[in-house]
């Protein structure tokens, strides 16, 4: 059935107009700062020492592990215990298992966090629904997740893509717009979570409220996070000289499984995708730990098993908005040849608070003596997605350069989210959904062709408005 869908979609796309570069959407959204929801919008759940801010991430390299995280106000007996079991058909009593989480807390200026619990569960069965419970005897809360299918080249899988979310009323529309799509299985999140640092002394209560805000989604499907500039939280003038402290304490990941020495850069394999996450705001020059790790990780990619190679990094390399223009340039110059040589399919970034999709282009011929400094079409290059349009407190970035550069395929100053629906080893349907539309409407869409198995130029539909 999935193959029939692919064939029909491929035929449809081949009778439409070839991508013509530099489309700037005519859709006009009123440009104004988003209004942040007050702290009172997100109270703690009822019950004594109730677990809250529950979220999950992948807990190993290949998808048989999960990290379950939650917060409690008190560190009581059994408040760090998670109980989990497989769903079963019929009246068979499920075998329940328990594991204990590691527990910590942190101080930031005049704030002391609750108790942060992180439980890693490994050896789960692929493509299986699990129920889990967290909390002590006084208050127990129940959630569930589904493990991904076993890694393989033709395994279908659907990722949501959300960036620069924040916790405004627009953010809420973005998140619930995505959640209305029953196909979403995991979220790729290229940074900028709570925007706590937009408040005096980096008000850490905003990390708590953000955790409660996203829990209805993040407790049920894993979010794969890259760190953005709003996660840095480097404030030595108030006695906080350690960068990324709140983010690293709150959002654990399985970085050691990919031989990384830092949770800020890591990789996972999930279904038919190999996902590489690295950090715009950590050292990446030659011979730095991040540089050395990325060089080795790219050598480990096996496109016969995971044909879709996806990279997430917060600051975009190709961006035609005057906001944050060329901030990712030094990283692009260093690593773009690696991405082209390895035929990366997709690079996902945030940071710029609007939406943009590029053509497959590269600028790897540039050096300071040959004057070749213009991007050119390159069938081995990634498509670059800038999706910093989640609804953040700072508002829409509505200052695109004019005329549009040749590398820009589609751009729009609206809030929204995207969906990457991997169909098989050759095709994946990518769609972007602005908040003002109903979920079935795709303001931008393209059938992606895998760079390893089907490196044919993509076509796009002409129905964007």
Protein backbone atom coordinates (compact mmCIF):
# COMPACT_ATOMS: atom_id res chain seq x y z
CA UNK A 1 0.00 0.00 0.00
CA UNK A 2 2.80 2.44 0.91
CA UNK A 3 4.53 1.67 -2.40
CA UNK A 4 1.33 2.53 -4.30
CA UNK A 5 1.18 5.86 -2.49
CA UNK A 6 4.78 6.57 -3.45
CA UNK A 7 4.18 5.73 -7.10
CA UNK A 8 1.05 7.90 -7.31
CA UNK A 9 2.79 10.79 -5.57
CA UNK A 10 5.81 10.46 -7.86
CA UNK A 11 3.64 10.49 -10.98
CA UNK A 12 1.75 13.54 -9.71
CA UNK A 13 4.91 15.44 -8.93
CA UNK A 14 6.37 14.71 -12.33
CA UNK A 15 3.48 16.37 -14.14
CA UNK A 16 3.79 19.58 -12.15
CA UNK A 17 6.01 22.56 -12.63
CA UNK A 18 9.71 22.26 -11.92
CA UNK A 19 10.91 24.17 -8.85
CA UNK A 20 11.49 27.78 -9.73
CA UNK A 21 13.73 29.44 -7.19
CA UNK A 22 13.10 32.38 -4.95
CA UNK A 23 9.40 32.01 -4.15
CA UNK A 24 8.35 34.32 -1.36
CA UNK A 25 4.88 33.50 -0.09
CA UNK A 26 2.18 36.10 -0.65
CA UNK A 27 0.56 35.07 2.60
CA UNK A 28 0.68 38.01 5.01
CA UNK A 29 0.71 37.42 8.73
CA UNK A 30 0.50 40.44 11.02
CA UNK A 31 4.06 41.02 12.27
CA UNK A 32 3.95 41.54 16.01
CA UNK A 33 5.59 40.01 19.07
CA UNK A 34 3.91 36.87 20.35
CA UNK A 35 2.25 37.14 23.72
CA UNK A 36 3.73 34.75 26.26
CA UNK A 37 1.36 32.63 28.30
CA UNK A 38 1.65 33.50 32.02
CA UNK A 39 3.15 31.06 34.52
CA UNK A 40 -0.32 30.46 35.94
CA UNK A 41 -1.29 28.80 32.65
CA UNK A 42 0.79 25.78 33.62
CA UNK A 43 0.15 24.78 37.25
CA UNK A 44 1.72 21.67 38.70
CA UNK A 45 -0.52 18.58 38.44
CA UNK A 46 -2.74 17.73 41.40
CA UNK A 47 -1.57 15.34 44.06
CA UNK A 48 1.10 15.13 46.71
CA UNK A 49 4.58 15.19 45.14
CA UNK A 50 3.05 14.65 41.72
CA UNK A 51 5.55 13.98 38.89
CA UNK A 52 5.51 16.66 36.24
CA UNK A 53 7.33 17.86 33.10
CA UNK A 54 7.41 14.26 31.89
CA UNK A 55 9.28 13.75 28.63
CA UNK A 56 11.06 11.00 26.74
CA UNK A 57 14.06 10.79 24.39
CA UNK A 58 15.75 7.92 22.61
CA UNK A 59 18.00 6.11 25.07
CA UNK A 60 20.39 4.21 22.83
CA UNK A 61 21.87 4.23 19.32
CA UNK A 62 19.34 2.06 17.45
CA UNK A 63 15.95 2.70 19.05
CA UNK A 64 15.54 -0.10 21.62
CA UNK A 65 16.15 2.27 24.52
CA UNK A 66 14.26 5.18 26.04
CA UNK A 67 15.13 7.82 28.64
CA UNK A 68 12.11 8.82 30.73
CA UNK A 69 12.51 12.11 32.61
CA UNK A 70 10.31 13.86 35.14
CA UNK A 71 10.44 16.32 38.04
CA UNK A 72 9.09 16.07 41.59
CA UNK A 73 9.08 18.81 44.23
CA UNK A 74 10.29 16.37 46.92
CA UNK A 75 12.75 13.49 46.82
CA UNK A 76 10.63 10.89 48.62
CA UNK A 77 10.90 7.12 48.61
CA UNK A 78 9.91 5.68 45.22
CA UNK A 79 9.56 9.11 43.61
CA UNK A 80 12.43 8.06 41.28
CA UNK A 81 10.81 4.77 40.21
CA UNK A 82 9.33 4.09 36.79
CA UNK A 83 7.15 1.03 36.17
CA UNK A 84 6.62 -0.09 32.58
CA UNK A 85 5.06 -2.94 30.63
CA UNK A 86 4.18 -4.00 27.09
CA UNK A 87 0.63 -3.72 25.92
CA UNK A 88 -0.84 -7.15 25.26
CA UNK A 89 -3.96 -8.42 23.54
CA UNK A 90 -6.69 -10.24 25.42
CA UNK A 91 -6.80 -10.79 29.15
CA UNK A 92 -3.15 -11.78 29.60
CA UNK A 93 -1.75 -10.02 32.65
CA UNK A 94 1.22 -7.93 31.53
CA UNK A 95 4.62 -8.47 33.08
CA UNK A 96 5.48 -5.23 34.84
CA UNK A 97 9.08 -4.13 35.27
CA UNK A 98 10.56 -1.38 37.42
CA UNK A 99 13.71 0.66 37.23
CA UNK A 100 15.17 3.49 39.25
CA UNK A 101 16.12 6.87 37.84
CA UNK A 102 19.17 8.92 38.64
CA UNK A 103 18.16 11.99 40.61
CA UNK A 104 19.72 15.44 40.83
CA UNK A 105 18.85 19.10 41.24
CA UNK A 106 20.60 22.36 40.41
CA UNK A 107 20.79 25.96 41.55
CA UNK A 108 20.71 28.93 39.22
CA UNK A 109 21.06 32.40 40.74
CA UNK A 110 18.21 32.54 43.30
CA UNK A 111 16.37 29.47 42.01
CA UNK A 112 16.60 25.85 43.16
CA UNK A 113 15.12 23.24 40.85
CA UNK A 114 12.86 20.39 41.84
CA UNK A 115 14.29 16.90 41.82
CA UNK A 116 15.11 15.87 38.25
CA UNK A 117 14.74 12.14 37.56
CA UNK A 118 16.13 10.41 34.46
CA UNK A 119 15.54 6.67 33.96
CA UNK A 120 17.18 4.80 31.07
CA UNK A 121 15.47 1.64 29.87
CA UNK A 122 17.20 -0.57 27.30
CA UNK A 123 16.43 -3.85 25.55
CA UNK A 124 12.89 -2.90 24.57
CA UNK A 125 11.19 -4.67 21.70
CA UNK A 126 10.95 -2.82 18.40
CA UNK A 127 7.63 -1.46 17.14
CA UNK A 128 5.89 -2.10 20.45
CA UNK A 129 3.64 0.04 22.60
CA UNK A 130 4.63 0.37 26.25
CA UNK A 131 2.73 1.82 29.19
CA UNK A 132 4.75 3.54 31.90
CA UNK A 133 4.01 5.03 35.29
CA UNK A 134 6.05 7.53 37.28
CA UNK A 135 5.61 8.80 40.81
CA UNK A 136 5.41 7.48 44.34
CA UNK A 137 2.52 5.75 46.06
CA UNK A 138 0.90 9.08 46.85
CA UNK A 139 0.55 10.20 43.21
CA UNK A 140 1.21 8.04 40.17
CA UNK A 141 0.78 9.28 36.61
CA UNK A 142 0.52 7.01 33.57
CA UNK A 143 1.74 7.60 29.99
CA UNK A 144 2.75 5.50 26.99
CA UNK A 145 5.15 5.40 24.04
CA UNK A 146 5.76 3.22 21.00
CA UNK A 147 9.26 2.08 20.10
CA UNK A 148 10.35 2.54 16.47
CA UNK A 149 10.55 -0.33 14.00
CA UNK A 150 13.87 -2.13 13.69
CA UNK A 151 16.47 -0.16 11.74
CA UNK A 152 16.20 -0.94 8.04
CA UNK A 153 16.35 0.72 4.61
CA UNK A 154 12.65 0.59 3.73
CA UNK A 155 11.17 1.25 7.16
CA UNK A 156 8.54 4.03 6.98
CA UNK A 157 8.58 6.59 9.76
CA UNK A 158 7.09 10.03 10.38
CA UNK A 159 8.95 12.85 12.14
CA UNK A 160 7.49 16.16 13.20
CA UNK A 161 9.81 19.17 12.94
CA UNK A 162 9.40 22.09 15.36
CA UNK A 163 11.91 24.81 16.20
CA UNK A 164 12.20 27.89 18.44
CA UNK A 165 8.97 27.04 20.18
CA UNK A 166 8.87 29.11 23.36
CA UNK A 167 5.63 29.29 25.32
CA UNK A 168 3.42 31.90 23.73
CA UNK A 169 -0.15 31.58 22.54
CA UNK A 170 1.31 31.07 19.05
CA UNK A 171 3.55 28.32 20.46
CA UNK A 172 0.49 26.55 21.80
CA UNK A 173 -1.14 26.66 18.38
CA UNK A 174 2.01 25.25 16.77
CA UNK A 175 2.31 22.36 19.22
CA UNK A 176 -1.34 21.38 19.15
CA UNK A 177 -1.46 21.80 15.38
CA UNK A 178 1.31 19.19 15.15
CA UNK A 179 -0.36 16.95 17.74
CA UNK A 180 -3.55 16.88 15.66
CA UNK A 181 -1.66 14.80 13.07
CA UNK A 182 -2.03 11.16 14.16
CA UNK A 183 0.93 10.08 12.02
CA UNK A 184 3.61 11.90 14.04
CA UNK A 185 5.94 9.47 15.83
CA UNK A 186 8.91 11.58 17.01
CA UNK A 187 9.91 15.25 16.90
CA UNK A 188 13.10 16.75 15.49
CA UNK A 189 13.69 19.95 17.46
CA UNK A 190 16.61 22.14 16.31
CA UNK A 191 16.87 24.25 19.46
CA UNK A 192 15.48 27.17 21.49
CA UNK A 193 13.07 25.61 23.95
CA UNK A 194 11.78 27.70 26.84
CA UNK A 195 13.22 31.22 26.24
CA UNK A 196 13.78 31.51 30.00
CA UNK A 197 16.79 33.68 29.22
CA UNK A 198 14.50 36.38 27.81
CA UNK A 199 13.46 37.13 31.38
CA UNK A 200 15.35 38.85 34.21
CA UNK A 201 18.11 36.65 35.61
CA UNK A 202 17.09 33.91 33.18
CA UNK A 203 13.95 33.12 35.18
CA UNK A 204 14.20 29.36 35.69
CA UNK A 205 10.50 29.04 36.45
CA UNK A 206 10.06 29.37 32.69
CA UNK A 207 11.90 26.07 32.25
CA UNK A 208 9.35 24.47 34.57
CA UNK A 209 6.37 26.00 32.78
CA UNK A 210 7.77 24.96 29.39
CA UNK A 211 8.16 21.39 30.58
CA UNK A 212 4.51 21.34 31.66
CA UNK A 213 3.45 22.98 28.39
CA UNK A 214 5.02 20.35 26.09
CA UNK A 215 4.31 17.33 28.31
CA UNK A 216 1.09 16.33 26.46
CA UNK A 217 3.29 15.61 23.44
CA UNK A 218 6.78 15.04 24.85
CA UNK A 219 5.65 12.37 27.34
CA UNK A 220 4.32 10.22 24.50
CA UNK A 221 6.79 10.62 21.66
CA UNK A 222 10.51 11.32 21.84
CA UNK A 223 11.86 14.77 21.08
CA UNK A 224 15.36 14.86 19.57
CA UNK A 225 16.88 18.18 20.65
CA UNK A 226 19.72 20.31 19.35
CA UNK A 227 20.90 23.10 21.64
CA UNK A 228 20.13 26.66 20.54
CA UNK A 229 21.46 30.00 21.67
CA UNK A 230 18.62 30.29 24.20
CA UNK A 231 19.93 27.15 25.91
CA UNK A 232 23.39 28.64 26.55
CA UNK A 233 22.40 30.42 29.81
CA UNK A 234 25.92 31.78 30.31
CA UNK A 235 25.55 34.65 32.80
CA UNK A 236 28.77 35.20 34.76
CA UNK A 237 27.64 38.62 35.99
CA UNK A 238 25.03 36.91 38.21
CA UNK A 239 27.35 34.08 39.21
CA UNK A 240 26.42 31.60 36.46
CA UNK A 241 29.62 30.93 34.46
CA UNK A 242 28.72 27.41 33.26
CA UNK A 243 27.05 27.34 29.84
CA UNK A 244 24.03 25.11 29.13
CA UNK A 245 23.52 24.28 32.83
CA UNK A 246 19.66 24.13 32.89
CA UNK A 247 19.42 22.40 29.50
CA UNK A 248 21.93 19.67 30.34
CA UNK A 249 20.41 19.03 33.75
CA UNK A 250 16.87 18.79 32.40
CA UNK A 251 17.26 17.16 28.99
CA UNK A 252 19.39 14.03 29.04
CA UNK A 253 20.19 12.06 25.89
CA UNK A 254 22.15 8.98 24.85
CA UNK A 255 25.24 10.82 23.60
CA UNK A 256 27.67 8.20 24.92
CA UNK A 257 26.07 5.56 22.68
CA UNK A 258 27.48 7.41 19.66
CA UNK A 259 30.92 7.82 21.29
CA UNK A 260 30.42 11.53 21.94
CA UNK A 261 31.93 13.16 25.00
CA UNK A 262 29.19 15.81 25.22
CA UNK A 263 25.37 15.78 25.24
CA UNK A 264 25.52 18.78 22.88
CA UNK A 265 26.56 16.63 19.92
CA UNK A 266 25.46 13.06 19.30
CA UNK A 267 23.69 10.82 16.83
CA UNK A 268 20.99 8.17 16.79
CA UNK A 269 19.55 5.75 14.26
CA UNK A 270 15.78 5.50 14.15
CA UNK A 271 13.89 3.38 11.61
CA UNK A 272 15.48 4.28 8.24
CA UNK A 273 17.13 7.52 9.38
CA UNK A 274 20.57 8.33 10.75
CA UNK A 275 20.24 11.62 12.64
CA UNK A 276 23.30 13.71 13.53
CA UNK A 277 22.93 16.54 16.05
CA UNK A 278 25.69 19.04 16.64
CA UNK A 279 26.16 22.36 18.36
CA UNK A 280 26.46 25.83 16.86
CA UNK A 281 27.56 27.19 20.24
CA UNK A 282 30.35 24.77 21.13
CA UNK A 283 33.87 24.80 19.73
CA UNK A 284 33.94 23.22 16.28
CA UNK A 285 37.31 24.30 14.85
CA UNK A 286 39.79 21.80 13.52
CA UNK A 287 40.82 19.15 16.08
CA UNK A 288 38.25 20.23 18.65
CA UNK A 289 36.25 17.36 20.22
CA UNK A 290 33.14 18.18 18.19
CA UNK A 291 35.11 18.32 14.93
CA UNK A 292 36.84 14.99 15.63
CA UNK A 293 33.58 13.31 16.64
CA UNK A 294 31.69 14.47 13.54
CA UNK A 295 34.49 13.30 11.28
CA UNK A 296 34.33 9.82 12.82
CA UNK A 297 30.53 9.68 12.97
CA UNK A 298 30.15 10.36 9.26
CA UNK A 299 32.41 7.37 8.56
CA UNK A 300 30.02 5.16 10.55
CA UNK A 301 26.93 6.00 8.51
CA UNK A 302 25.69 2.93 6.64
CA UNK A 303 23.28 4.09 3.93
CA UNK A 304 22.38 0.47 3.12
CA UNK A 305 20.77 0.26 6.59
CA UNK A 306 19.78 3.90 7.20
CA UNK A 307 19.51 5.56 3.78
CA UNK A 308 18.19 8.89 5.15
CA UNK A 309 20.98 11.05 6.56
CA UNK A 310 19.60 14.04 8.48
CA UNK A 311 21.57 16.72 10.33
CA UNK A 312 20.31 19.17 12.94
CA UNK A 313 22.19 22.32 13.95
CA UNK A 314 20.64 25.48 15.35
CA UNK A 315 22.15 28.32 13.28
CA UNK A 316 21.28 27.97 9.57
CA UNK A 317 23.96 27.91 6.90
CA UNK A 318 21.72 29.21 4.11
CA UNK A 319 19.30 31.94 5.14
CA UNK A 320 17.91 34.83 3.11
CA UNK A 321 16.46 36.72 6.05
CA UNK A 322 18.22 39.82 7.35
CA UNK A 323 17.79 38.39 10.85
CA UNK A 324 20.87 36.32 11.78
CA UNK A 325 22.15 36.59 8.22
CA UNK A 326 25.33 34.53 7.73
CA UNK A 327 25.72 33.70 11.44
CA UNK A 328 26.38 30.09 10.49
CA UNK A 329 28.92 30.97 7.80
CA UNK A 330 32.11 29.86 9.54
CA UNK A 331 30.60 26.48 10.36
CA UNK A 332 29.33 26.14 6.79
CA UNK A 333 32.78 26.83 5.33
CA UNK A 334 34.30 24.19 7.59
CA UNK A 335 31.78 21.35 7.26
CA UNK A 336 29.81 21.84 4.03
CA UNK A 337 32.29 19.77 1.96
CA UNK A 338 31.80 16.89 4.40
CA UNK A 339 28.03 17.05 3.98
CA UNK A 340 28.27 17.13 0.19
CA UNK A 341 30.80 14.30 0.06
CA UNK A 342 28.59 12.21 2.33
CA UNK A 343 25.41 13.14 0.45
CA UNK A 344 23.44 14.39 3.43
CA UNK A 345 19.75 14.47 2.53
CA UNK A 346 18.46 17.22 4.81
CA UNK A 347 19.88 19.84 7.19
CA UNK A 348 17.39 21.24 9.71
CA UNK A 349 18.02 24.52 11.56
CA UNK A 350 16.10 27.08 13.59
CA UNK A 351 17.27 30.44 14.97
CA UNK A 352 15.65 32.61 12.27
CA UNK A 353 12.01 33.09 13.23
CA UNK A 354 10.47 32.35 9.88
CA UNK A 355 10.34 29.47 7.42
CA UNK A 356 12.60 28.79 4.45
CA UNK A 357 13.52 25.82 2.26
CA UNK A 358 16.50 25.79 -0.10
CA UNK A 359 17.28 24.05 -3.34
CA UNK A 360 20.07 21.48 -3.37
CA UNK A 361 23.02 23.84 -3.60
CA UNK A 362 26.58 24.10 -2.35
CA UNK A 363 29.32 26.68 -2.14
CA UNK A 364 32.27 24.38 -1.57
CA UNK A 365 34.38 25.80 -4.41
CA UNK A 366 34.88 29.08 -2.57
CA UNK A 367 38.29 30.20 -1.37
CA UNK A 368 39.83 33.61 -0.87
CA UNK A 369 41.79 33.58 -4.15
CA UNK A 370 39.46 32.18 -6.81
CA UNK A 371 36.44 34.52 -6.37
CA UNK A 372 34.01 31.59 -6.72
CA UNK A 373 31.67 32.70 -3.99
CA UNK A 374 28.17 31.97 -5.29
CA UNK A 375 26.13 28.86 -4.41
CA UNK A 376 25.52 26.53 -7.35
CA UNK A 377 23.13 23.63 -7.93
CA UNK A 378 24.65 20.43 -6.57
CA UNK A 379 22.85 17.06 -6.72
CA UNK A 380 24.99 15.76 -3.85
CA UNK A 381 24.10 18.64 -1.52
CA UNK A 382 21.45 18.68 1.20
CA UNK A 383 18.25 20.63 1.18
CA UNK A 384 18.43 23.20 3.99
CA UNK A 385 15.33 23.81 6.10
CA UNK A 386 15.09 26.84 8.41
CA UNK A 387 12.20 26.30 10.78
CA UNK A 388 12.61 28.73 13.66
CA UNK A 389 8.92 29.52 13.39
CA UNK A 390 7.48 27.70 16.41
CA UNK A 391 5.97 30.80 18.04
CA UNK A 392 8.67 32.25 20.24
CA UNK A 393 8.32 35.41 22.36
CA UNK A 394 10.50 37.50 20.00
CA UNK A 395 8.02 37.37 17.12
CA UNK A 396 8.23 36.72 13.38
CA UNK A 397 11.37 37.52 11.38
CA UNK A 398 9.75 39.30 8.44
CA UNK A 399 12.74 40.95 6.80
CA UNK A 400 13.65 38.79 3.82
CA UNK A 401 16.29 40.02 1.41
CA UNK A 402 14.96 41.22 -1.92
CA UNK A 403 15.18 39.86 -4.54
CA UNK A 404 15.25 36.26 -3.28
CA UNK A 405 18.62 34.56 -3.81
CA UNK A 406 18.85 31.71 -6.29
CA UNK A 407 19.33 29.11 -3.55
CA UNK A 408 15.99 29.86 -1.86
CA UNK A 409 13.13 27.65 -3.04
CA UNK A 410 10.35 28.82 -0.72
CA UNK A 411 10.14 31.21 2.21
CA UNK A 412 7.39 32.67 4.39
CA UNK A 413 7.19 34.79 7.54
CA UNK A 414 4.65 32.70 9.45
CA UNK A 415 4.55 30.42 12.47
CA UNK A 416 4.18 26.71 11.84
CA UNK A 417 5.69 23.23 11.88
CA UNK A 418 6.76 20.60 9.37
CA UNK A 419 6.33 16.85 8.88
CA UNK A 420 8.86 14.48 7.31
CA UNK A 421 7.10 11.31 6.24
CA UNK A 422 9.75 8.77 5.17
CA UNK A 423 8.12 6.28 2.81
CA UNK A 424 10.98 4.00 1.83
CA UNK A 425 14.64 4.11 0.85
CA UNK A 426 14.04 6.41 -2.13
CA UNK A 427 11.19 8.80 -1.24
CA UNK A 428 10.09 10.94 1.69
CA UNK A 429 7.24 13.44 1.65
CA UNK A 430 8.12 16.73 3.35
CA UNK A 431 5.36 19.23 4.17
CA UNK A 432 5.28 22.54 6.04
CA UNK A 433 2.09 23.67 7.78
CA UNK A 434 1.46 27.27 8.81
CA UNK A 435 -0.59 27.77 11.96
CA UNK A 436 -3.36 29.63 10.15
CA UNK A 437 -4.30 26.58 8.06
CA UNK A 438 -5.99 23.35 9.00
CA UNK A 439 -3.63 20.40 9.45
CA UNK A 440 -4.33 18.76 6.05
CA UNK A 441 -3.19 21.90 4.24
CA UNK A 442 0.48 22.02 3.25
CA UNK A 443 1.66 25.54 2.54
CA UNK A 444 4.91 24.08 1.18
CA UNK A 445 5.61 20.51 0.11
CA UNK A 446 8.17 18.49 -1.77
CA UNK A 447 8.75 14.81 -2.43
CA UNK A 448 12.36 14.31 -1.39
CA UNK A 449 14.59 11.91 -3.30
CA UNK A 450 17.20 10.04 -1.32
CA UNK A 451 20.74 11.09 -2.22
CA UNK A 452 22.13 7.56 -1.92
CA UNK A 453 19.48 5.40 -3.57
CA UNK A 454 17.69 7.85 -5.88
CA UNK A 455 19.77 11.02 -6.49
CA UNK A 456 17.34 12.50 -9.00
CA UNK A 457 16.41 16.18 -8.96
CA UNK A 458 13.21 16.85 -7.04
CA UNK A 459 10.14 18.50 -8.45
CA UNK A 460 7.58 20.40 -6.41
CA UNK A 461 3.88 21.06 -6.68
CA UNK A 462 2.70 24.56 -7.62
CA UNK A 463 -0.25 24.76 -5.22
CA UNK A 464 1.34 26.91 -2.53
CA UNK A 465 -0.53 30.02 -1.40
